[in-house]
Protein backbone atom coordinates (compact mmCIF):
# COMPACT_ATOMS: atom_id res chain seq x y z
CA MET A 1 -6.10 -13.34 -1.82
CA ASP A 2 -5.05 -14.02 -5.27
CA ARG A 3 -2.12 -16.32 -5.07
CA GLN A 4 -1.52 -15.66 -8.93
CA GLU A 5 -0.96 -19.31 -9.68
CA LYS A 6 -0.86 -20.75 -13.13
CA ALA A 7 -3.97 -22.86 -14.15
CA PRO A 8 -3.15 -26.41 -15.17
CA ASN A 9 -1.75 -26.74 -18.46
CA SER A 10 -1.95 -23.18 -19.26
CA ASP A 11 -0.17 -19.90 -19.25
CA LEU A 12 -3.26 -18.13 -17.77
CA SER A 13 -3.47 -17.40 -14.03
CA ALA A 14 -6.13 -19.56 -12.34
CA ILE A 15 -8.47 -16.46 -12.03
CA GLN A 16 -7.94 -15.60 -15.74
CA SER A 17 -8.92 -19.35 -16.61
CA VAL A 18 -12.07 -19.25 -14.52
CA ASN A 19 -13.00 -15.86 -16.00
CA LYS A 20 -12.53 -17.12 -19.58
CA GLU A 21 -14.06 -20.52 -19.20
CA PHE A 22 -17.19 -19.61 -17.12
CA GLY A 23 -17.49 -15.98 -17.88
CA VAL A 24 -17.45 -15.16 -14.13
CA PRO A 25 -15.42 -12.35 -12.78
CA VAL A 26 -13.19 -13.29 -9.87
CA VAL A 27 -12.07 -10.30 -7.66
CA SER A 28 -9.42 -10.60 -4.99
CA ILE A 29 -8.77 -7.71 -2.44
CA VAL A 30 -4.93 -8.41 -2.65
CA GLY A 31 -2.59 -10.32 -4.81
CA MET A 32 0.57 -12.34 -3.98
CA ASN A 33 2.82 -9.78 -5.76
CA THR A 34 1.36 -6.92 -3.70
CA LEU A 35 2.10 -8.95 -0.41
CA ILE A 36 5.52 -9.84 -1.46
CA THR A 37 6.34 -6.15 -2.20
CA PHE A 38 5.01 -5.10 1.20
CA LEU A 39 6.83 -7.76 2.99
CA GLY A 40 10.08 -6.89 1.12
CA SER A 41 9.89 -3.21 2.20
CA GLU A 42 9.39 -4.20 5.85
CA LYS A 43 12.83 -6.06 6.38
CA GLY A 44 14.27 -6.70 9.80
CA ILE A 45 12.37 -9.40 11.47
CA GLU A 46 13.84 -12.81 10.73
CA GLU A 47 10.57 -14.77 10.70
CA ARG A 48 9.09 -12.26 8.12
CA ASP A 49 12.19 -12.53 5.99
CA GLU A 50 11.95 -16.30 5.99
CA LYS A 51 8.35 -16.15 5.01
CA LEU A 52 8.94 -13.78 2.39
CA SER A 53 11.61 -16.04 1.03
CA LYS A 54 9.15 -18.92 1.01
CA MET A 55 6.59 -16.81 -0.88
CA GLN A 56 8.86 -15.82 -3.41
CA GLU A 57 10.10 -19.38 -4.17
CA TYR A 58 6.49 -20.36 -4.24
CA ARG A 59 5.80 -17.73 -6.87
CA LYS A 60 8.84 -18.82 -8.83
CA ASN A 61 7.46 -22.38 -8.94
CA TYR A 62 3.88 -21.91 -9.37
CA GLY A 63 3.16 -18.22 -10.22
CA VAL A 64 2.06 -16.90 -13.59
CA THR A 65 4.79 -15.47 -16.01
CA ASP A 66 2.68 -12.86 -17.57
CA PRO A 67 3.00 -9.60 -15.71
CA ALA A 68 -0.62 -8.62 -16.71
CA ALA A 69 -1.90 -11.58 -14.79
CA ARG A 70 -0.37 -10.07 -11.51
CA ASP A 71 -2.55 -7.94 -9.40
CA THR A 72 -4.71 -7.04 -12.27
CA PRO A 73 -8.47 -6.78 -11.68
CA THR A 74 -10.75 -8.60 -13.84
CA PRO A 75 -12.76 -6.63 -16.36
CA ASN A 76 -15.79 -6.42 -14.28
CA SER A 77 -14.16 -5.69 -11.04
CA LYS A 78 -14.45 -2.03 -11.12
CA LYS A 79 -17.99 -2.18 -12.08
CA GLN A 80 -18.64 -4.40 -8.95
CA ARG A 81 -16.97 -1.84 -6.70
CA THR A 82 -18.93 0.96 -7.81
CA GLU A 83 -22.53 -0.52 -7.64
């Protein structure tokens, strides 16, 4: 899971930073934004609501601010899936 965290001393996500620095595509099957959206649409269970709240707080503190870095596949991820 891509937690969509900021890389240290950067506005890039950790995945974007690895991709840029090493030229290595990093592919995740789900991003934190997608998981939060899903959990947010499934209200009603107190434990789930509590976890959702904690995830949203985590994203607020450590998440990337660039919307393009959220649930965005790396440039080579499409190629990898089709091979």
